[in-house]
N, C-alpha and C. Protein backbone atom coordinates (compact mmCIF):
# COMPACT_ATOMS: atom_id res chain seq x y z
N MET A 1 -57.06 -65.23 16.04
CA MET A 1 -58.23 -65.81 16.67
C MET A 1 -59.47 -65.48 15.82
N GLY A 2 -60.34 -66.44 15.72
CA GLY A 2 -61.55 -66.26 14.94
C GLY A 2 -62.44 -65.14 15.46
N SER A 3 -62.49 -64.99 16.79
CA SER A 3 -63.34 -63.93 17.35
C SER A 3 -62.81 -62.55 16.96
N THR A 4 -61.49 -62.37 16.95
CA THR A 4 -60.90 -61.09 16.57
C THR A 4 -61.12 -60.82 15.09
N ALA A 5 -60.93 -61.83 14.27
CA ALA A 5 -61.16 -61.67 12.82
C ALA A 5 -62.61 -61.28 12.55
N ASN A 6 -63.53 -61.89 13.26
CA ASN A 6 -64.95 -61.58 13.08
C ASN A 6 -65.23 -60.13 13.46
N LYS A 7 -64.68 -59.68 14.58
CA LYS A 7 -64.90 -58.30 15.03
C LYS A 7 -64.34 -57.30 14.02
N THR A 8 -63.10 -57.51 13.59
CA THR A 8 -62.48 -56.56 12.66
C THR A 8 -63.20 -56.57 11.31
N GLY A 9 -63.66 -57.73 10.89
CA GLY A 9 -64.42 -57.81 9.65
C GLY A 9 -65.73 -57.05 9.73
N THR A 10 -66.40 -57.14 10.86
CA THR A 10 -67.66 -56.40 11.06
C THR A 10 -67.41 -54.90 11.04
N VAL A 11 -66.35 -54.47 11.73
CA VAL A 11 -66.01 -53.04 11.74
C VAL A 11 -65.69 -52.56 10.33
N ALA A 12 -64.89 -53.32 9.60
CA ALA A 12 -64.54 -52.95 8.22
C ALA A 12 -65.80 -52.87 7.35
N GLY A 13 -66.66 -53.86 7.46
CA GLY A 13 -67.90 -53.86 6.69
C GLY A 13 -68.78 -52.68 7.02
N ASN A 14 -68.89 -52.36 8.31
CA ASN A 14 -69.70 -51.20 8.71
C ASN A 14 -69.14 -49.92 8.12
N ASN A 15 -67.82 -49.75 8.16
CA ASN A 15 -67.20 -48.53 7.63
C ASN A 15 -67.33 -48.44 6.11
N ILE A 16 -67.21 -49.56 5.42
CA ILE A 16 -67.36 -49.58 3.96
C ILE A 16 -68.76 -49.14 3.54
N THR A 17 -69.76 -49.51 4.35
CA THR A 17 -71.14 -49.18 4.01
C THR A 17 -71.57 -47.81 4.55
N GLY A 18 -70.61 -47.04 5.08
CA GLY A 18 -70.92 -45.68 5.50
C GLY A 18 -71.31 -45.53 6.96
N ASN A 19 -71.29 -46.60 7.71
CA ASN A 19 -71.59 -46.52 9.14
C ASN A 19 -70.28 -46.45 9.91
N GLU A 20 -70.08 -45.35 10.61
CA GLU A 20 -68.82 -45.19 11.34
C GLU A 20 -68.75 -46.20 12.49
N ASP A 21 -67.64 -46.88 12.53
CA ASP A 21 -67.41 -47.89 13.56
C ASP A 21 -65.92 -47.91 13.86
N GLU A 22 -65.55 -48.35 15.03
CA GLU A 22 -64.13 -48.45 15.37
C GLU A 22 -63.85 -49.79 16.05
N PHE A 23 -62.67 -50.28 15.80
CA PHE A 23 -62.21 -51.50 16.47
C PHE A 23 -61.60 -51.07 17.78
N ARG A 24 -62.12 -51.54 18.88
CA ARG A 24 -61.70 -51.09 20.20
C ARG A 24 -60.56 -51.93 20.79
N GLY A 25 -60.05 -52.85 20.01
CA GLY A 25 -58.94 -53.67 20.49
C GLY A 25 -59.39 -54.95 21.14
N ILE A 26 -58.43 -55.69 21.59
CA ILE A 26 -58.71 -56.98 22.24
C ILE A 26 -57.85 -57.11 23.49
N LEU A 27 -58.20 -58.04 24.33
CA LEU A 27 -57.42 -58.34 25.53
C LEU A 27 -56.58 -59.60 25.35
N GLY A 28 -56.75 -60.26 24.21
CA GLY A 28 -56.04 -61.52 24.01
C GLY A 28 -56.65 -62.66 24.80
N THR A 29 -57.94 -62.58 25.04
CA THR A 29 -58.63 -63.61 25.80
C THR A 29 -58.63 -64.92 25.04
N GLY A 30 -58.23 -65.97 25.70
CA GLY A 30 -58.22 -67.29 25.08
C GLY A 30 -58.52 -68.36 26.11
N ILE A 31 -59.10 -69.44 25.65
CA ILE A 31 -59.43 -70.55 26.53
C ILE A 31 -59.09 -71.85 25.82
N TYR A 32 -58.58 -72.81 26.57
CA TYR A 32 -58.09 -74.06 26.00
C TYR A 32 -58.49 -75.23 26.88
N ARG A 33 -58.65 -76.37 26.26
CA ARG A 33 -58.92 -77.59 27.00
C ARG A 33 -57.76 -78.55 26.76
N ILE A 34 -57.24 -79.09 27.85
CA ILE A 34 -56.22 -80.13 27.79
C ILE A 34 -56.78 -81.31 28.58
N PHE A 35 -57.22 -82.31 27.86
CA PHE A 35 -57.93 -83.45 28.44
C PHE A 35 -59.13 -82.92 29.22
N ASP A 36 -59.24 -83.14 30.52
CA ASP A 36 -60.39 -82.65 31.29
C ASP A 36 -60.16 -81.28 31.91
N LEU A 37 -58.97 -80.74 31.76
CA LEU A 37 -58.59 -79.48 32.39
C LEU A 37 -58.81 -78.33 31.41
N THR A 38 -59.34 -77.22 31.92
CA THR A 38 -59.54 -76.02 31.11
C THR A 38 -58.68 -74.90 31.68
N LEU A 39 -58.05 -74.15 30.79
CA LEU A 39 -57.28 -72.99 31.24
C LEU A 39 -57.48 -71.85 30.26
N GLY A 40 -57.37 -70.66 30.80
CA GLY A 40 -57.55 -69.49 29.95
C GLY A 40 -56.89 -68.27 30.54
N GLN A 41 -56.78 -67.23 29.69
CA GLN A 41 -56.17 -65.99 30.12
C GLN A 41 -56.86 -64.82 29.42
N THR A 42 -56.72 -63.66 30.05
CA THR A 42 -57.23 -62.43 29.48
C THR A 42 -56.37 -61.27 29.97
N GLY A 43 -56.21 -60.27 29.15
CA GLY A 43 -55.43 -59.11 29.54
C GLY A 43 -53.96 -59.43 29.70
N PHE A 44 -53.29 -58.61 30.52
CA PHE A 44 -51.86 -58.78 30.74
C PHE A 44 -51.57 -59.94 31.68
N SER A 45 -50.50 -60.66 31.40
CA SER A 45 -49.93 -61.58 32.39
C SER A 45 -49.13 -60.72 33.37
N GLU A 46 -48.70 -61.31 34.46
CA GLU A 46 -47.88 -60.58 35.43
C GLU A 46 -46.62 -60.03 34.74
N GLU A 47 -45.96 -60.88 33.99
CA GLU A 47 -44.73 -60.48 33.30
C GLU A 47 -44.98 -59.34 32.31
N GLU A 48 -46.05 -59.45 31.53
CA GLU A 48 -46.37 -58.40 30.55
C GLU A 48 -46.68 -57.07 31.23
N ALA A 49 -47.44 -57.13 32.33
CA ALA A 49 -47.79 -55.90 33.05
C ALA A 49 -46.54 -55.21 33.59
N ILE A 50 -45.63 -55.98 34.13
CA ILE A 50 -44.39 -55.41 34.66
C ILE A 50 -43.56 -54.81 33.52
N LYS A 51 -43.48 -55.51 32.38
CA LYS A 51 -42.75 -54.98 31.22
C LYS A 51 -43.36 -53.68 30.72
N GLN A 52 -44.67 -53.51 30.90
CA GLN A 52 -45.35 -52.28 30.48
C GLN A 52 -45.17 -51.15 31.50
N GLY A 53 -44.49 -51.44 32.60
CA GLY A 53 -44.20 -50.41 33.60
C GLY A 53 -45.16 -50.33 34.76
N PHE A 54 -46.07 -51.26 34.88
CA PHE A 54 -47.02 -51.24 35.99
C PHE A 54 -46.39 -51.81 37.25
N ASP A 55 -46.71 -51.21 38.39
CA ASP A 55 -46.42 -51.79 39.70
C ASP A 55 -47.66 -52.62 40.02
N VAL A 56 -47.51 -53.92 40.16
CA VAL A 56 -48.68 -54.80 40.21
C VAL A 56 -48.91 -55.44 41.57
N ALA A 57 -50.18 -55.70 41.83
CA ALA A 57 -50.61 -56.54 42.94
C ALA A 57 -51.12 -57.83 42.31
N ILE A 58 -50.74 -58.95 42.89
CA ILE A 58 -51.09 -60.26 42.34
C ILE A 58 -51.88 -61.05 43.36
N SER A 59 -52.98 -61.63 42.92
CA SER A 59 -53.77 -62.52 43.75
C SER A 59 -53.76 -63.90 43.13
N LEU A 60 -53.48 -64.90 43.93
CA LEU A 60 -53.54 -66.29 43.48
C LEU A 60 -54.45 -67.02 44.45
N ASP A 61 -55.61 -67.42 43.97
CA ASP A 61 -56.62 -68.04 44.84
C ASP A 61 -57.00 -69.43 44.35
N LYS A 62 -57.14 -70.34 45.29
CA LYS A 62 -57.60 -71.70 45.01
C LYS A 62 -58.89 -71.91 45.80
N LYS A 63 -59.98 -72.12 45.08
CA LYS A 63 -61.29 -72.32 45.71
C LYS A 63 -62.03 -73.43 44.97
N GLU A 64 -63.05 -73.94 45.59
CA GLU A 64 -63.95 -74.87 44.90
C GLU A 64 -64.84 -74.04 43.98
N ASN A 65 -65.16 -74.57 42.81
CA ASN A 65 -66.02 -73.85 41.88
C ASN A 65 -67.49 -73.89 42.29
N LYS A 66 -67.85 -74.87 43.11
CA LYS A 66 -69.20 -75.01 43.64
C LYS A 66 -69.10 -75.89 44.88
N PRO A 67 -70.17 -76.06 45.64
CA PRO A 67 -70.08 -76.85 46.87
C PRO A 67 -69.61 -78.29 46.60
N GLU A 68 -68.89 -78.82 47.57
CA GLU A 68 -68.37 -80.18 47.46
C GLU A 68 -69.49 -81.20 47.27
N TYR A 69 -70.63 -80.99 47.95
CA TYR A 69 -71.75 -81.93 47.83
C TYR A 69 -72.40 -81.89 46.45
N MET A 70 -72.03 -80.89 45.64
CA MET A 70 -72.52 -80.82 44.26
C MET A 70 -71.41 -81.20 43.27
N GLY A 71 -70.35 -81.79 43.79
CA GLY A 71 -69.26 -82.22 42.91
C GLY A 71 -68.25 -81.13 42.63
N GLY A 72 -68.15 -80.16 43.51
CA GLY A 72 -67.22 -79.06 43.32
C GLY A 72 -65.78 -79.52 43.13
N LYS A 73 -65.09 -78.81 42.28
CA LYS A 73 -63.69 -79.10 42.00
C LYS A 73 -62.89 -77.80 42.10
N GLN A 74 -61.62 -77.93 42.43
CA GLN A 74 -60.78 -76.77 42.61
C GLN A 74 -60.63 -75.95 41.32
N ILE A 75 -60.68 -74.65 41.50
CA ILE A 75 -60.42 -73.70 40.42
C ILE A 75 -59.36 -72.73 40.95
N ILE A 76 -58.41 -72.40 40.12
CA ILE A 76 -57.33 -71.50 40.51
C ILE A 76 -57.44 -70.23 39.67
N ILE A 77 -57.46 -69.10 40.36
CA ILE A 77 -57.58 -67.81 39.69
C ILE A 77 -56.39 -66.94 40.07
N LYS A 78 -55.67 -66.47 39.06
CA LYS A 78 -54.61 -65.50 39.27
C LYS A 78 -55.07 -64.20 38.63
N ALA A 79 -55.05 -63.13 39.40
CA ALA A 79 -55.48 -61.84 38.88
C ALA A 79 -54.40 -60.80 39.13
N ILE A 80 -54.28 -59.88 38.19
CA ILE A 80 -53.27 -58.85 38.22
C ILE A 80 -53.97 -57.49 38.24
N ALA A 81 -53.56 -56.63 39.17
CA ALA A 81 -54.12 -55.28 39.27
C ALA A 81 -53.00 -54.25 39.36
N ASN A 82 -53.30 -53.06 38.94
CA ASN A 82 -52.38 -51.93 39.02
C ASN A 82 -52.41 -51.39 40.45
N LYS A 83 -51.26 -51.40 41.15
CA LYS A 83 -51.22 -50.92 42.54
C LYS A 83 -51.60 -49.45 42.64
N LYS A 84 -51.26 -48.66 41.64
CA LYS A 84 -51.49 -47.21 41.69
C LYS A 84 -52.98 -46.87 41.58
N THR A 85 -53.68 -47.54 40.66
CA THR A 85 -55.08 -47.18 40.37
C THR A 85 -56.09 -48.22 40.85
N GLY A 86 -55.64 -49.45 41.11
CA GLY A 86 -56.55 -50.52 41.48
C GLY A 86 -57.21 -51.19 40.29
N LEU A 87 -56.94 -50.69 39.07
CA LEU A 87 -57.57 -51.27 37.88
C LEU A 87 -57.10 -52.70 37.64
N LEU A 88 -58.03 -53.55 37.24
CA LEU A 88 -57.68 -54.91 36.85
C LEU A 88 -56.93 -54.85 35.53
N LEU A 89 -55.86 -55.63 35.43
CA LEU A 89 -55.04 -55.64 34.22
C LEU A 89 -55.07 -56.97 33.49
N GLY A 90 -55.31 -58.06 34.21
CA GLY A 90 -55.30 -59.37 33.56
C GLY A 90 -55.61 -60.48 34.53
N GLY A 91 -55.72 -61.67 33.98
CA GLY A 91 -55.98 -62.82 34.82
C GLY A 91 -55.83 -64.12 34.07
N GLN A 92 -55.57 -65.16 34.83
CA GLN A 92 -55.53 -66.52 34.30
C GLN A 92 -56.37 -67.40 35.21
N VAL A 93 -57.04 -68.36 34.61
CA VAL A 93 -57.90 -69.26 35.36
C VAL A 93 -57.64 -70.68 34.87
N ILE A 94 -57.59 -71.62 35.82
CA ILE A 94 -57.40 -73.02 35.47
C ILE A 94 -58.28 -73.88 36.37
N GLY A 95 -58.90 -74.89 35.80
CA GLY A 95 -59.75 -75.77 36.58
C GLY A 95 -60.47 -76.76 35.69
N TYR A 96 -61.38 -77.50 36.30
CA TYR A 96 -62.12 -78.53 35.58
C TYR A 96 -63.51 -78.07 35.15
N GLU A 97 -64.09 -77.14 35.89
CA GLU A 97 -65.42 -76.63 35.57
C GLU A 97 -65.49 -75.15 35.93
N GLY A 98 -66.22 -74.37 35.14
CA GLY A 98 -66.48 -72.98 35.47
C GLY A 98 -65.38 -72.00 35.12
N VAL A 99 -64.35 -72.47 34.42
CA VAL A 99 -63.26 -71.58 34.02
C VAL A 99 -63.78 -70.52 33.06
N ASP A 100 -64.60 -70.93 32.10
CA ASP A 100 -65.12 -69.98 31.11
C ASP A 100 -65.91 -68.86 31.75
N LYS A 101 -66.73 -69.19 32.74
CA LYS A 101 -67.54 -68.19 33.42
C LYS A 101 -66.65 -67.15 34.10
N ARG A 102 -65.65 -67.61 34.86
CA ARG A 102 -64.79 -66.67 35.59
C ARG A 102 -63.94 -65.85 34.62
N LEU A 103 -63.47 -66.47 33.56
CA LEU A 103 -62.65 -65.78 32.57
C LEU A 103 -63.45 -64.68 31.87
N ASP A 104 -64.69 -64.99 31.51
CA ASP A 104 -65.54 -63.98 30.86
C ASP A 104 -65.83 -62.81 31.79
N VAL A 105 -66.02 -63.09 33.07
CA VAL A 105 -66.25 -62.01 34.03
C VAL A 105 -65.01 -61.12 34.11
N LEU A 106 -63.83 -61.73 34.19
CA LEU A 106 -62.59 -60.95 34.24
C LEU A 106 -62.41 -60.12 32.97
N ALA A 107 -62.66 -60.71 31.81
CA ALA A 107 -62.52 -59.98 30.55
C ALA A 107 -63.48 -58.80 30.50
N THR A 108 -64.70 -59.00 30.94
CA THR A 108 -65.69 -57.92 30.97
C THR A 108 -65.26 -56.82 31.93
N ALA A 109 -64.81 -57.22 33.11
CA ALA A 109 -64.37 -56.24 34.11
C ALA A 109 -63.20 -55.41 33.58
N ILE A 110 -62.23 -56.04 32.95
CA ILE A 110 -61.08 -55.31 32.42
C ILE A 110 -61.53 -54.36 31.31
N THR A 111 -62.39 -54.84 30.42
CA THR A 111 -62.89 -54.01 29.32
C THR A 111 -63.60 -52.77 29.84
N LEU A 112 -64.36 -52.93 30.91
CA LEU A 112 -65.13 -51.82 31.47
C LEU A 112 -64.34 -51.02 32.50
N LYS A 113 -63.03 -51.28 32.57
CA LYS A 113 -62.11 -50.55 33.46
C LYS A 113 -62.51 -50.66 34.93
N ALA A 114 -62.87 -51.87 35.34
CA ALA A 114 -63.23 -52.12 36.73
C ALA A 114 -61.99 -52.16 37.60
N LYS A 115 -62.18 -51.81 38.85
CA LYS A 115 -61.12 -51.93 39.84
C LYS A 115 -61.23 -53.29 40.52
N ALA A 116 -60.15 -53.70 41.14
CA ALA A 116 -60.12 -55.00 41.81
C ALA A 116 -61.26 -55.14 42.81
N GLU A 117 -61.52 -54.11 43.58
CA GLU A 117 -62.57 -54.19 44.59
C GLU A 117 -63.97 -54.34 43.97
N ASP A 118 -64.12 -53.98 42.70
CA ASP A 118 -65.42 -54.16 42.05
C ASP A 118 -65.82 -55.63 41.98
N LEU A 119 -64.84 -56.53 41.99
CA LEU A 119 -65.16 -57.96 41.98
C LEU A 119 -65.96 -58.37 43.21
N ILE A 120 -65.77 -57.66 44.31
CA ILE A 120 -66.47 -57.95 45.56
C ILE A 120 -67.96 -57.66 45.43
N HIS A 121 -68.30 -56.68 44.62
CA HIS A 121 -69.67 -56.18 44.55
C HIS A 121 -70.49 -56.73 43.39
N LEU A 122 -69.92 -57.61 42.58
CA LEU A 122 -70.66 -58.16 41.45
C LEU A 122 -71.80 -59.06 41.93
N ASP A 123 -72.91 -58.98 41.26
CA ASP A 123 -74.07 -59.83 41.57
C ASP A 123 -74.05 -61.00 40.59
N LEU A 124 -73.23 -62.00 40.89
CA LEU A 124 -73.07 -63.14 40.00
C LEU A 124 -74.10 -64.22 40.32
N ALA A 125 -74.44 -64.99 39.31
CA ALA A 125 -75.44 -66.05 39.47
C ALA A 125 -75.01 -67.05 40.52
N TYR A 126 -75.95 -67.42 41.39
CA TYR A 126 -75.67 -68.42 42.42
C TYR A 126 -76.78 -69.45 42.49
N SER A 127 -76.39 -70.66 42.47
CA SER A 127 -77.21 -71.82 42.79
C SER A 127 -76.20 -72.95 43.02
N PRO A 128 -76.40 -73.80 44.03
CA PRO A 128 -75.40 -74.81 44.36
C PRO A 128 -74.86 -75.64 43.19
N PRO A 129 -75.66 -75.96 42.16
CA PRO A 129 -75.06 -76.74 41.06
C PRO A 129 -74.03 -75.94 40.24
N TYR A 130 -73.97 -74.60 40.43
CA TYR A 130 -73.13 -73.77 39.59
C TYR A 130 -72.04 -72.99 40.32
N SER A 131 -72.24 -72.66 41.56
CA SER A 131 -71.29 -71.81 42.26
C SER A 131 -71.48 -71.90 43.76
N LEU A 132 -70.57 -71.27 44.47
CA LEU A 132 -70.69 -71.10 45.91
C LEU A 132 -71.50 -69.83 46.18
N PRO A 133 -72.02 -69.67 47.41
CA PRO A 133 -72.74 -68.41 47.70
C PRO A 133 -71.88 -67.17 47.41
N ARG A 134 -70.59 -67.29 47.66
CA ARG A 134 -69.64 -66.24 47.27
C ARG A 134 -68.73 -66.85 46.22
N ASP A 135 -68.86 -66.37 45.00
CA ASP A 135 -68.11 -66.91 43.88
C ASP A 135 -66.60 -66.80 44.14
N PRO A 136 -65.82 -67.71 43.59
CA PRO A 136 -64.37 -67.59 43.74
C PRO A 136 -63.82 -66.22 43.35
N LEU A 137 -64.45 -65.53 42.40
CA LEU A 137 -63.99 -64.19 42.03
C LEU A 137 -64.19 -63.17 43.15
N TYR A 138 -65.16 -63.42 44.02
CA TYR A 138 -65.34 -62.55 45.19
C TYR A 138 -64.07 -62.57 46.02
N TYR A 139 -63.55 -63.76 46.28
CA TYR A 139 -62.35 -63.89 47.09
C TYR A 139 -61.13 -63.29 46.40
N THR A 140 -61.09 -63.36 45.09
CA THR A 140 -60.03 -62.70 44.34
C THR A 140 -60.08 -61.20 44.60
N GLY A 141 -61.29 -60.62 44.55
CA GLY A 141 -61.46 -59.20 44.82
C GLY A 141 -61.06 -58.83 46.24
N VAL A 142 -61.44 -59.66 47.20
CA VAL A 142 -61.09 -59.40 48.60
C VAL A 142 -59.57 -59.40 48.79
N LYS A 143 -58.92 -60.39 48.21
CA LYS A 143 -57.46 -60.51 48.36
C LYS A 143 -56.75 -59.34 47.69
N LEU A 144 -57.16 -59.00 46.46
CA LEU A 144 -56.54 -57.88 45.76
C LEU A 144 -56.76 -56.55 46.51
N LYS A 145 -57.97 -56.35 47.03
CA LYS A 145 -58.26 -55.12 47.76
C LYS A 145 -57.35 -55.02 48.97
N ALA A 146 -57.17 -56.10 49.69
CA ALA A 146 -56.30 -56.09 50.87
C ALA A 146 -54.86 -55.74 50.48
N LEU A 147 -54.40 -56.30 49.37
CA LEU A 147 -53.05 -55.99 48.90
C LEU A 147 -52.91 -54.53 48.48
N LEU A 148 -53.95 -54.01 47.85
CA LEU A 148 -53.93 -52.62 47.38
C LEU A 148 -54.07 -51.62 48.52
N ASP A 149 -54.72 -52.02 49.60
CA ASP A 149 -54.93 -51.12 50.74
C ASP A 149 -53.70 -51.02 51.64
N LYS A 150 -52.68 -51.83 51.40
CA LYS A 150 -51.48 -51.80 52.26
C LYS A 150 -50.70 -50.53 52.05
């Protein structure tokens, strides 16, 4: 991926010039467009997380990306969390609009070692042309928290 090559090149350049830097890894975040549909992933898939030995909680949510009166369209978010710690491990998003926004939030949350319930408390941008009063990721957090609290 070009983004990974750019990051590693910057780290190498910094180290060559005497500035200590480290490559902190990647989550494998990617986004694709197939005709009008956008899909993306970040972190572990369910299968990968299980292969790594995690006991996982899975949330699969279908919500409108914004109000229907603003042309809202369905967005599907699958999120994977570690049952033991509550940490977010990965996610996939598919939809017609707003996939990039939700995917970037998930990638940031995973990078910063957020727990599933942290999705409930995020102060995400809201205005009817862009989102619902409670973003679809809020509901992902609510569902994962309920699964983890069992």
